[in-house]
Amino acid sequence: MKIFCVFGVLFKVTVSAVAQEVGNVPDSCRPMTRICQSSWRGVNWWGERLMRNRNFIADHRNRIDFVFAGSSSVHFWEDSGGREYAALTNRYVILNCGYGGDQTQNLLWRFQNGELDGYRAKGVVLSIGSNNNAIRGARVADTMLGIKACLVEINSETDFVAKNDKFLELLDTTCKTIL
């Protein structure tokens, strides 16, 4: 079992725990793309970001240290993270898989459609779920199930060990920066 960071809180998750809780699967656990839905001023930015990340994975396949995954809180670290984000990217190769407006179901779709494939990262930092409540008015319990589904997907799609020293150092620095 691996340990992951979600909004700075550590969770342990197993596939069976999610399966027992789901029963009637909420939208937050159903993978959903935004390729055709997300345009801003006529530009399909979501699809373009997806392709940019796929190219990044291809170019850095054996060198990706960490993945930052989630919604706008992760996406905009690239622009608003300032010196702290620059210091992290100078020290580590970081794949930023944050997409503004994404919900757990969108992240699940991206995970199941290649965003975790083709590389071996040392760790994943996850921040997702706020848009489930803000945009769709999802029940908190359903949002938590979606977050757990994302964790299960990470657990099943990756084979890194989240307890290595580099990951713990990154986790500490990231959490201090966010808080």
Foldseek 3Di string as FASTA:
>chain_A
DAWAAELNDIDDADPVVLVVPQPPPDLLLAADACQPPDDDPRHSVRVVLLVVLVVVCVVCLEFAAEEEAEEPVQVCCVPPVPPLVVVVVVVGPYRYHYYHLDALNHRLNSLVVPSLPRHAYQYYHYYHQPNCCVPVVDDPVNSVSSVSSSVNSCVVSHDHHCPDPVNVVVSVSVSVSVD
